[in-house]
Amino acid sequence: EAVVDLSGRPFLAWDATFDRDRIGELDTELVEEFFRA
């Protein structure tokens, strides 16, 4: 589920887990980093 507010107030609430370190050549911890950035 994704919920977006174009509020002008930056915030990420993230609640997802991956049980392995990589998907292809992407480190799974970077998925959260993308959304935060």
PDB file of all heavy atoms in Angstrom:
ATOM      1  N   GLU A   1       0.843  -1.192   0.000  1.00  0.00           N
ATOM      2  CA  GLU A   1       0.000   0.000   0.000  1.00  0.00           C
ATOM      3  C   GLU A   1       0.879   1.243   0.000  1.00  0.00           C
ATOM      4  O   GLU A   1       1.869   1.311   0.731  1.00  0.00           O
ATOM      5  CB  GLU A   1      -0.887   0.014   1.239  1.00  0.00           C
ATOM      6  CG  GLU A   1      -1.786   1.236   1.331  1.00  0.00           C
ATOM      7  CD  GLU A   1      -2.610   1.232   2.604  1.00  0.00           C
ATOM      8  OE1 GLU A   1      -2.027   1.042   3.701  1.00  0.00           O
ATOM      9  OE2 GLU A   1      -3.840   1.410   2.508  1.00  0.00           O
ATOM     10  N   ALA A   2       0.517   2.208  -0.821  1.00  0.00           N
ATOM     11  CA  ALA A   2       1.181   3.511  -0.828  1.00  0.00           C
ATOM     12  C   ALA A   2       0.133   4.598  -0.622  1.00  0.00           C
ATOM     13  O   ALA A   2      -0.940   4.550  -1.230  1.00  0.00           O
ATOM     14  CB  ALA A   2       1.912   3.741  -2.148  1.00  0.00           C
ATOM     15  N   VAL A   3       0.457   5.546   0.236  1.00  0.00           N
ATOM     16  CA  VAL A   3      -0.386   6.716   0.467  1.00  0.00           C
ATOM     17  C   VAL A   3       0.496   7.948   0.336  1.00  0.00           C
ATOM     18  O   VAL A   3       1.561   8.020   0.954  1.00  0.00           O
ATOM     19  CB  VAL A   3      -1.062   6.668   1.849  1.00  0.00           C
ATOM     20  CG1 VAL A   3      -1.979   7.875   2.034  1.00  0.00           C
ATOM     21  CG2 VAL A   3      -1.826   5.371   2.046  1.00  0.00           C
ATOM     22  N   VAL A   4       0.050   8.902  -0.492  1.00  0.00           N
ATOM     23  CA  VAL A   4       0.845  10.085  -0.822  1.00  0.00           C
ATOM     24  C   VAL A   4       0.074  11.346  -0.448  1.00  0.00           C
ATOM     25  O   VAL A   4      -1.137  11.431  -0.658  1.00  0.00           O
ATOM     26  CB  VAL A   4       1.160  10.116  -2.340  1.00  0.00           C
ATOM     27  CG1 VAL A   4       1.743  11.463  -2.762  1.00  0.00           C
ATOM     28  CG2 VAL A   4       2.122   8.996  -2.706  1.00  0.00           C
ATOM     29  N   ASP A   5       0.787  12.315   0.098  1.00  0.00           N
ATOM     30  CA  ASP A   5       0.260  13.660   0.311  1.00  0.00           C
ATOM     31  C   ASP A   5       1.305  14.637  -0.214  1.00  0.00           C
ATOM     32  O   ASP A   5       2.432  14.668   0.283  1.00  0.00           O
ATOM     33  CB  ASP A   5      -0.008  13.907   1.795  1.00  0.00           C
ATOM     34  CG  ASP A   5      -0.509  15.317   2.107  1.00  0.00           C
ATOM     35  OD1 ASP A   5      -0.778  16.083   1.162  1.00  0.00           O
ATOM     36  OD2 ASP A   5      -0.621  15.648   3.305  1.00  0.00           O
ATOM     37  N   LEU A   6       0.937  15.423  -1.219  1.00  0.00           N
ATOM     38  CA  LEU A   6       1.854  16.421  -1.774  1.00  0.00           C
ATOM     39  C   LEU A   6       1.860  17.643  -0.857  1.00  0.00           C
ATOM     40  O   LEU A   6       1.542  18.757  -1.246  1.00  0.00           O
ATOM     41  CB  LEU A   6       1.414  16.811  -3.187  1.00  0.00           C
ATOM     42  CG  LEU A   6       1.281  15.667  -4.194  1.00  0.00           C
ATOM     43  CD1 LEU A   6       0.754  16.190  -5.533  1.00  0.00           C
ATOM     44  CD2 LEU A   6       2.613  14.947  -4.387  1.00  0.00           C
ATOM     45  N   SER A   7       2.260  17.405   0.361  1.00  0.00           N
ATOM     46  CA  SER A   7       2.042  18.329   1.467  1.00  0.00           C
ATOM     47  C   SER A   7       3.065  19.458   1.561  1.00  0.00           C
ATOM     48  O   SER A   7       2.829  20.449   2.235  1.00  0.00           O
ATOM     49  CB  SER A   7       2.078  17.546   2.784  1.00  0.00           C
ATOM     50  OG  SER A   7       3.345  16.907   2.924  1.00  0.00           O
ATOM     51  N   GLY A   8       4.229  19.275   0.945  1.00  0.00           N
ATOM     52  CA  GLY A   8       5.327  20.191   1.188  1.00  0.00           C
ATOM     53  C   GLY A   8       6.097  19.838   2.448  1.00  0.00           C
ATOM     54  O   GLY A   8       7.073  20.498   2.798  1.00  0.00           O
ATOM     55  N   ARG A   9       5.665  18.785   3.140  1.00  0.00           N
ATOM     56  CA  ARG A   9       6.342  18.319   4.358  1.00  0.00           C
ATOM     57  C   ARG A   9       6.905  16.924   4.075  1.00  0.00           C
ATOM     58  O   ARG A   9       6.154  15.948   4.023  1.00  0.00           O
ATOM     59  CB  ARG A   9       5.365  18.280   5.533  1.00  0.00           C
ATOM     60  CG  ARG A   9       4.841  19.645   5.925  1.00  0.00           C
ATOM     61  CD  ARG A   9       3.947  19.591   7.161  1.00  0.00           C
ATOM     62  NE  ARG A   9       2.824  18.680   7.004  1.00  0.00           N
ATOM     63  CZ  ARG A   9       1.686  19.016   6.381  1.00  0.00           C
ATOM     64  NH1 ARG A   9       1.533  20.215   5.846  1.00  0.00           N
ATOM     65  NH2 ARG A   9       0.700  18.140   6.299  1.00  0.00           N
ATOM     66  N   PRO A  10       8.205  16.812   3.886  1.00  0.00           N
ATOM     67  CA  PRO A  10       8.789  15.528   3.491  1.00  0.00           C
ATOM     68  C   PRO A  10       8.828  14.534   4.639  1.00  0.00           C
ATOM     69  O   PRO A  10       9.266  14.849   5.742  1.00  0.00           O
ATOM     70  CB  PRO A  10      10.201  15.908   3.042  1.00  0.00           C
ATOM     71  CG  PRO A  10      10.509  17.167   3.778  1.00  0.00           C
ATOM     72  CD  PRO A  10       9.201  17.890   3.938  1.00  0.00           C
ATOM     73  N   PHE A  11       8.343  13.327   4.351  1.00  0.00           N
ATOM     74  CA  PHE A  11       8.336  12.277   5.367  1.00  0.00           C
ATOM     75  C   PHE A  11       8.154  10.930   4.681  1.00  0.00           C
ATOM     76  O   PHE A  11       7.367  10.812   3.744  1.00  0.00           O
ATOM     77  CB  PHE A  11       7.194  12.495   6.367  1.00  0.00           C
ATOM     78  CG  PHE A  11       7.233  11.537   7.533  1.00  0.00           C
ATOM     79  CD1 PHE A  11       8.066  11.771   8.612  1.00  0.00           C
ATOM     80  CD2 PHE A  11       6.444  10.391   7.540  1.00  0.00           C
ATOM     81  CE1 PHE A  11       8.110  10.886   9.684  1.00  0.00           C
ATOM     82  CE2 PHE A  11       6.484   9.498   8.601  1.00  0.00           C
ATOM     83  CZ  PHE A  11       7.315   9.754   9.679  1.00  0.00           C
ATOM     84  N   LEU A  12       8.894   9.931   5.148  1.00  0.00           N
ATOM     85  CA  LEU A  12       8.687   8.559   4.694  1.00  0.00           C
ATOM     86  C   LEU A  12       8.367   7.681   5.882  1.00  0.00           C
ATOM     87  O   LEU A  12       9.140   7.632   6.847  1.00  0.00           O
ATOM     88  CB  LEU A  12       9.921   8.000   3.981  1.00  0.00           C
ATOM     89  CG  LEU A  12       9.817   6.503   3.622  1.00  0.00           C
ATOM     90  CD1 LEU A  12       8.774   6.262   2.534  1.00  0.00           C
ATOM     91  CD2 LEU A  12      11.163   5.931   3.212  1.00  0.00           C
ATOM     92  N   ALA A  13       7.239   7.004   5.840  1.00  0.00           N
ATOM     93  CA  ALA A  13       6.926   5.931   6.776  1.00  0.00           C
ATOM     94  C   ALA A  13       7.049   4.632   5.993  1.00  0.00           C
ATOM     95  O   ALA A  13       6.309   4.405   5.036  1.00  0.00           O
ATOM     96  CB  ALA A  13       5.520   6.097   7.339  1.00  0.00           C
ATOM     97  N   TRP A  14       7.990   3.796   6.375  1.00  0.00           N
ATOM     98  CA  TRP A  14       8.333   2.587   5.620  1.00  0.00           C
ATOM     99  C   TRP A  14       8.134   1.369   6.503  1.00  0.00           C
ATOM    100  O   TRP A  14       8.675   1.303   7.619  1.00  0.00           O
ATOM    101  CB  TRP A  14       9.786   2.678   5.160  1.00  0.00           C
ATOM    102  CG  TRP A  14      10.372   1.422   4.594  1.00  0.00           C
ATOM    103  CD1 TRP A  14      11.169   0.520   5.242  1.00  0.00           C
ATOM    104  CD2 TRP A  14      10.226   0.931   3.254  1.00  0.00           C
ATOM    105  NE1 TRP A  14      11.531  -0.496   4.389  1.00  0.00           N
ATOM    106  CE2 TRP A  14      10.957  -0.274   3.163  1.00  0.00           C
ATOM    107  CE3 TRP A  14       9.543   1.392   2.129  1.00  0.00           C
ATOM    108  CZ2 TRP A  14      11.035  -1.024   1.997  1.00  0.00           C
ATOM    109  CZ3 TRP A  14       9.622   0.641   0.963  1.00  0.00           C
ATOM    110  CH2 TRP A  14      10.357  -0.548   0.900  1.00  0.00           C
ATOM    111  N   ASP A  15       7.387   0.408   6.027  1.00  0.00           N
ATOM    112  CA  ASP A  15       7.178  -0.834   6.758  1.00  0.00           C
ATOM    113  C   ASP A  15       7.148  -1.993   5.769  1.00  0.00           C
ATOM    114  O   ASP A  15       6.089  -2.411   5.300  1.00  0.00           O
ATOM    115  CB  ASP A  15       5.878  -0.771   7.559  1.00  0.00           C
ATOM    116  CG  ASP A  15       5.685  -2.004   8.447  1.00  0.00           C
ATOM    117  OD1 ASP A  15       6.607  -2.827   8.533  1.00  0.00           O
ATOM    118  OD2 ASP A  15       4.586  -2.134   9.043  1.00  0.00           O
ATOM    119  N   ALA A  16       8.330  -2.447   5.411  1.00  0.00           N
ATOM    120  CA  ALA A  16       8.475  -3.587   4.505  1.00  0.00           C
ATOM    121  C   ALA A  16       9.791  -4.282   4.843  1.00  0.00           C
ATOM    122  O   ALA A  16      10.738  -3.641   5.299  1.00  0.00           O
ATOM    123  CB  ALA A  16       8.477  -3.135   3.044  1.00  0.00           C
ATOM    124  N   THR A  17       9.837  -5.574   4.621  1.00  0.00           N
ATOM    125  CA  THR A  17      11.042  -6.333   4.937  1.00  0.00           C
ATOM    126  C   THR A  17      11.400  -7.264   3.784  1.00  0.00           C
ATOM    127  O   THR A  17      10.522  -7.783   3.085  1.00  0.00           O
ATOM    128  CB  THR A  17      10.860  -7.181   6.214  1.00  0.00           C
ATOM    129  OG1 THR A  17       9.733  -8.037   6.050  1.00  0.00           O
ATOM    130  CG2 THR A  17      10.644  -6.287   7.430  1.00  0.00           C
ATOM    131  N   PHE A  18      12.696  -7.436   3.608  1.00  0.00           N
ATOM    132  CA  PHE A  18      13.225  -8.355   2.600  1.00  0.00           C
ATOM    133  C   PHE A  18      14.088  -9.383   3.312  1.00  0.00           C
ATOM    134  O   PHE A  18      14.890  -9.027   4.176  1.00  0.00           O
ATOM    135  CB  PHE A  18      14.067  -7.594   1.571  1.00  0.00           C
ATOM    136  CG  PHE A  18      13.304  -6.553   0.796  1.00  0.00           C
ATOM    137  CD1 PHE A  18      13.421  -5.206   1.121  1.00  0.00           C
ATOM    138  CD2 PHE A  18      12.472  -6.909  -0.240  1.00  0.00           C
ATOM    139  CE1 PHE A  18      12.723  -4.242   0.418  1.00  0.00           C
ATOM    140  CE2 PHE A  18      11.764  -5.960  -0.958  1.00  0.00           C
ATOM    141  CZ  PHE A  18      11.885  -4.623  -0.624  1.00  0.00           C
ATOM    142  N   ASP A  19      13.936 -10.639   2.928  1.00  0.00           N
ATOM    143  CA  ASP A  19      14.692 -11.676   3.619  1.00  0.00           C
ATOM    144  C   ASP A  19      15.947 -12.102   2.862  1.00  0.00           C
ATOM    145  O   ASP A  19      16.565 -13.109   3.195  1.00  0.00           O
ATOM    146  CB  ASP A  19      13.801 -12.883   3.939  1.00  0.00           C
ATOM    147  CG  ASP A  19      13.293 -13.606   2.697  1.00  0.00           C
ATOM    148  OD1 ASP A  19      13.700 -13.226   1.584  1.00  0.00           O
ATOM    149  OD2 ASP A  19      12.475 -14.539   2.848  1.00  0.00           O
ATOM    150  N   ARG A  20      16.309 -11.323   1.848  1.00  0.00           N
ATOM    151  CA  ARG A  20      17.611 -11.551   1.232  1.00  0.00           C
ATOM    152  C   ARG A  20      18.241 -10.213   0.878  1.00  0.00           C
ATOM    153  O   ARG A  20      17.560  -9.192   0.857  1.00  0.00           O
ATOM    154  CB  ARG A  20      17.512 -12.473   0.024  1.00  0.00           C
ATOM    155  CG  ARG A  20      16.823 -11.952  -1.207  1.00  0.00           C
ATOM    156  CD  ARG A  20      16.881 -13.038  -2.295  1.00  0.00           C
ATOM    157  NE  ARG A  20      16.770 -12.479  -3.628  1.00  0.00           N
ATOM    158  CZ  ARG A  20      15.679 -12.603  -4.391  1.00  0.00           C
ATOM    159  NH1 ARG A  20      14.611 -13.229  -3.937  1.00  0.00           N
ATOM    160  NH2 ARG A  20      15.659 -12.099  -5.616  1.00  0.00           N
ATOM    161  N   ASP A  21      19.537 -10.235   0.626  1.00  0.00           N
ATOM    162  CA  ASP A  21      20.304  -9.002   0.499  1.00  0.00           C
ATOM    163  C   ASP A  21      20.194  -8.340  -0.867  1.00  0.00           C
ATOM    164  O   ASP A  21      20.379  -7.129  -0.971  1.00  0.00           O
ATOM    165  CB  ASP A  21      21.793  -9.259   0.784  1.00  0.00           C
ATOM    166  CG  ASP A  21      22.035  -9.653   2.229  1.00  0.00           C
ATOM    167  OD1 ASP A  21      21.195  -9.300   3.085  1.00  0.00           O
ATOM    168  OD2 ASP A  21      23.049 -10.333   2.496  1.00  0.00           O
ATOM    169  N   ARG A  22      19.909  -9.119  -1.909  1.00  0.00           N
ATOM    170  CA  ARG A  22      19.934  -8.551  -3.258  1.00  0.00           C
ATOM    171  C   ARG A  22      18.775  -9.083  -4.093  1.00  0.00           C
ATOM    172  O   ARG A  22      18.330 -10.214  -3.918  1.00  0.00           O
ATOM    173  CB  ARG A  22      21.261  -8.880  -3.967  1.00  0.00           C
ATOM    174  CG  ARG A  22      22.472  -8.232  -3.326  1.00  0.00           C
ATOM    175  CD  ARG A  22      23.767  -8.753  -3.934  1.00  0.00           C
ATOM    176  NE  ARG A  22      24.065  -8.170  -5.229  1.00  0.00           N
ATOM    177  CZ  ARG A  22      24.601  -6.971  -5.402  1.00  0.00           C
ATOM    178  NH1 ARG A  22      24.876  -6.207  -4.370  1.00  0.00           N
ATOM    179  NH2 ARG A  22      24.877  -6.517  -6.601  1.00  0.00           N
ATOM    180  N   ILE A  23      18.334  -8.235  -5.014  1.00  0.00           N
ATOM    181  CA  ILE A  23      17.432  -8.652  -6.087  1.00  0.00           C
ATOM    182  C   ILE A  23      18.178  -8.306  -7.367  1.00  0.00           C
ATOM    183  O   ILE A  23      18.347  -7.123  -7.686  1.00  0.00           O
ATOM    184  CB  ILE A  23      16.082  -7.911  -6.049  1.00  0.00           C
ATOM    185  CG1 ILE A  23      15.455  -7.970  -4.654  1.00  0.00           C
ATOM    186  CG2 ILE A  23      15.137  -8.491  -7.090  1.00  0.00           C
ATOM    187  CD1 ILE A  23      14.253  -7.060  -4.488  1.00  0.00           C
ATOM    188  N   GLY A  24      18.633  -9.300  -8.068  1.00  0.00           N
ATOM    189  CA  GLY A  24      19.523  -9.021  -9.199  1.00  0.00           C
ATOM    190  C   GLY A  24      20.759  -8.296  -8.697  1.00  0.00           C
ATOM    191  O   GLY A  24      21.441  -8.757  -7.785  1.00  0.00           O
ATOM    192  N   GLU A  25      21.017  -7.110  -9.263  1.00  0.00           N
ATOM    193  CA  GLU A  25      22.188  -6.315  -8.854  1.00  0.00           C
ATOM    194  C   GLU A  25      21.823  -5.201  -7.881  1.00  0.00           C
ATOM    195  O   GLU A  25      22.652  -4.344  -7.583  1.00  0.00           O
ATOM    196  CB  GLU A  25      22.866  -5.719 -10.097  1.00  0.00           C
ATOM    197  CG  GLU A  25      23.479  -6.763 -11.030  1.00  0.00           C
ATOM    198  CD  GLU A  25      24.507  -7.613 -10.306  1.00  0.00           C
ATOM    199  OE1 GLU A  25      25.405  -7.055  -9.642  1.00  0.00           O
ATOM    200  OE2 GLU A  25      24.400  -8.860 -10.385  1.00  0.00           O
ATOM    201  N   LEU A  26      20.589  -5.208  -7.386  1.00  0.00           N
ATOM    202  CA  LEU A  26      20.147  -4.155  -6.464  1.00  0.00           C
ATOM    203  C   LEU A  26      20.173  -4.660  -5.030  1.00  0.00           C
ATOM    204  O   LEU A  26      19.542  -5.672  -4.714  1.00  0.00           O
ATOM    205  CB  LEU A  26      18.731  -3.703  -6.824  1.00  0.00           C
ATOM    206  CG  LEU A  26      18.128  -2.624  -5.912  1.00  0.00           C
ATOM    207  CD1 LEU A  26      18.853  -1.291  -6.101  1.00  0.00           C
ATOM    208  CD2 LEU A  26      16.640  -2.457  -6.183  1.00  0.00           C
ATOM    209  N   ASP A  27      20.888  -3.951  -4.158  1.00  0.00           N
ATOM    210  CA  ASP A  27      20.835  -4.251  -2.730  1.00  0.00           C
ATOM    211  C   ASP A  27      19.429  -3.938  -2.224  1.00  0.00           C
ATOM    212  O   ASP A  27      18.919  -2.827  -2.443  1.00  0.00           O
ATOM    213  CB  ASP A  27      21.851  -3.415  -1.956  1.00  0.00           C
ATOM    214  CG  ASP A  27      23.287  -3.766  -2.297  1.00  0.00           C
ATOM    215  OD1 ASP A  27      23.538  -4.913  -2.707  1.00  0.00           O
ATOM    216  OD2 ASP A  27      24.154  -2.885  -2.166  1.00  0.00           O
ATOM    217  N   THR A  28      18.795  -4.876  -1.538  1.00  0.00           N
ATOM    218  CA  THR A  28      17.413  -4.667  -1.123  1.00  0.00           C
ATOM    219  C   THR A  28      17.271  -3.496  -0.151  1.00  0.00           C
ATOM    220  O   THR A  28      16.234  -2.826  -0.135  1.00  0.00           O
ATOM    221  CB  THR A  28      16.821  -5.939  -0.488  1.00  0.00           C
ATOM    222  OG1 THR A  28      17.719  -6.440   0.507  1.00  0.00           O
ATOM    223  CG2 THR A  28      16.567  -7.000  -1.539  1.00  0.00           C
ATOM    224  N   GLU A  29      18.297  -3.198   0.646  1.00  0.00           N
ATOM    225  CA  GLU A  29      18.191  -2.060   1.564  1.00  0.00           C
ATOM    226  C   GLU A  29      18.087  -0.729   0.809  1.00  0.00           C
ATOM    227  O   GLU A  29      17.621   0.270   1.364  1.00  0.00           O
ATOM    228  CB  GLU A  29      19.382  -2.024   2.522  1.00  0.00           C
ATOM    229  CG  GLU A  29      20.710  -1.710   1.864  1.00  0.00           C
ATOM    230  CD  GLU A  29      21.865  -1.695   2.859  1.00  0.00           C
ATOM    231  OE1 GLU A  29      21.628  -2.048   4.040  1.00  0.00           O
ATOM    232  OE2 GLU A  29      22.978  -1.329   2.462  1.00  0.00           O
ATOM    233  N   LEU A  30      18.449  -0.723  -0.468  1.00  0.00           N
ATOM    234  CA  LEU A  30      18.387   0.515  -1.250  1.00  0.00           C
ATOM    235  C   LEU A  30      16.981   0.831  -1.749  1.00  0.00           C
ATOM    236  O   LEU A  30      16.729   1.955  -2.190  1.00  0.00           O
ATOM    237  CB  LEU A  30      19.358   0.438  -2.429  1.00  0.00           C
ATOM    238  CG  LEU A  30      20.833   0.340  -2.048  1.00  0.00           C
ATOM    239  CD1 LEU A  30      21.704   0.309  -3.303  1.00  0.00           C
ATOM    240  CD2 LEU A  30      21.239   1.485  -1.134  1.00  0.00           C
ATOM    241  N   VAL A  31      16.064  -0.134  -1.667  1.00  0.00           N
ATOM    242  CA  VAL A  31      14.674   0.157  -2.036  1.00  0.00           C
ATOM    243  C   VAL A  31      14.129   1.239  -1.106  1.00  0.00           C
ATOM    244  O   VAL A  31      13.586   2.254  -1.548  1.00  0.00           O
ATOM    245  CB  VAL A  31      13.809  -1.120  -1.979  1.00  0.00           C
ATOM    246  CG1 VAL A  31      12.352  -0.787  -2.257  1.00  0.00           C
ATOM    247  CG2 VAL A  31      14.327  -2.161  -2.977  1.00  0.00           C
ATOM    248  N   GLU A  32      14.304   1.050   0.184  1.00  0.00           N
ATOM    249  CA  GLU A  32      13.876   2.074   1.149  1.00  0.00           C
ATOM    250  C   GLU A  32      14.617   3.384   0.924  1.00  0.00           C
ATOM    251  O   GLU A  32      14.022   4.470   1.024  1.00  0.00           O
ATOM    252  CB  GLU A  32      14.112   1.573   2.582  1.00  0.00           C
ATOM    253  CG  GLU A  32      13.699   2.575   3.640  1.00  0.00           C
ATOM    254  CD  GLU A  32      13.957   2.096   5.066  1.00  0.00           C
ATOM    255  OE1 GLU A  32      14.402   0.936   5.250  1.00  0.00           O
ATOM    256  OE2 GLU A  32      13.707   2.882   6.006  1.00  0.00           O
ATOM    257  N   GLU A  33      15.904   3.310   0.623  1.00  0.00           N
ATOM    258  CA  GLU A  33      16.688   4.535   0.407  1.00  0.00           C
ATOM    259  C   GLU A  33      16.168   5.338  -0.776  1.00  0.00           C
ATOM    260  O   GLU A  33      16.145   6.573  -0.745  1.00  0.00           O
ATOM    261  CB  GLU A  33      18.168   4.197   0.206  1.00  0.00           C
ATOM    262  CG  GLU A  33      18.847   3.659   1.440  1.00  0.00           C
ATOM    263  CD  GLU A  33      18.736   4.594   2.632  1.00  0.00           C
ATOM    264  OE1 GLU A  33      18.903   5.819   2.460  1.00  0.00           O
ATOM    265  OE2 GLU A  33      18.451   4.099   3.739  1.00  0.00           O
ATOM    266  N   PHE A  34      15.744   4.650  -1.841  1.00  0.00           N
ATOM    267  CA  PHE A  34      15.166   5.364  -2.975  1.00  0.00           C
ATOM    268  C   PHE A  34      13.910   6.113  -2.562  1.00  0.00           C
ATOM    269  O   PHE A  34      13.738   7.296  -2.852  1.00  0.00           O
ATOM    270  CB  PHE A  34      14.832   4.415  -4.131  1.00  0.00           C
ATOM    271  CG  PHE A  34      14.006   5.090  -5.197  1.00  0.00           C
ATOM    272  CD1 PHE A  34      14.610   5.905  -6.145  1.00  0.00           C
ATOM    273  CD2 PHE A  34      12.617   4.956  -5.214  1.00  0.00           C
ATOM    274  CE1 PHE A  34      13.837   6.570  -7.102  1.00  0.00           C
ATOM    275  CE2 PHE A  34      11.849   5.613  -6.170  1.00  0.00           C
ATOM    276  CZ  PHE A  34      12.464   6.420  -7.112  1.00  0.00           C
ATOM    277  N   PHE A  35      12.990   5.407  -1.893  1.00  0.00           N
ATOM    278  CA  PHE A  35      11.724   6.038  -1.504  1.00  0.00           C
ATOM    279  C   PHE A  35      11.964   7.209  -0.551  1.00  0.00           C
ATOM    280  O   PHE A  35      11.284   8.233  -0.645  1.00  0.00           O
ATOM    281  CB  PHE A  35      10.787   5.007  -0.875  1.00  0.00           C
ATOM    282  CG  PHE A  35      10.243   4.003  -1.850  1.00  0.00           C
ATOM    283  CD1 PHE A  35      10.358   2.645  -1.605  1.00  0.00           C
ATOM    284  CD2 PHE A  35       9.604   4.405  -3.014  1.00  0.00           C
ATOM    285  CE1 PHE A  35       9.851   1.716  -2.501  1.00  0.00           C
ATOM    286  CE2 PHE A  35       9.095   3.481  -3.922  1.00  0.00           C
ATOM    287  CZ  PHE A  35       9.216   2.131  -3.662  1.00  0.00           C
ATOM    288  N   ARG A  36      12.928   7.060   0.355  1.00  0.00           N
ATOM    289  CA  ARG A  36      13.219   8.161   1.290  1.00  0.00           C
ATOM    290  C   ARG A  36      13.761   9.373   0.533  1.00  0.00           C
ATOM    291  O   ARG A  36      13.316  10.505   0.750  1.00  0.00           O
ATOM    292  CB  ARG A  36      14.214   7.721   2.358  1.00  0.00           C
ATOM    293  CG  ARG A  36      14.606   8.866   3.305  1.00  0.00           C
ATOM    294  CD  ARG A  36      15.432   8.415   4.482  1.00  0.00           C
ATOM    295  NE  ARG A  36      14.614   7.627   5.394  1.00  0.00           N
ATOM    296  CZ  ARG A  36      14.703   6.316   5.539  1.00  0.00           C
ATOM    297  NH1 ARG A  36      15.576   5.619   4.848  1.00  0.00           N
ATOM    298  NH2 ARG A  36      13.914   5.679   6.384  1.00  0.00           N
ATOM    299  N   ALA A  37      14.707   9.153  -0.363  1.00  0.00           N
ATOM    300  CA  ALA A  37      15.284  10.260  -1.124  1.00  0.00           C
ATOM    301  C   ALA A  37      14.232  10.941  -1.988  1.00  0.00           C
ATOM    302  O   ALA A  37      14.187  12.173  -2.084  1.00  0.00           O
ATOM    303  CB  ALA A  37      16.438   9.750  -1.993  1.00  0.00           C
TER     304      ALA A  37
END
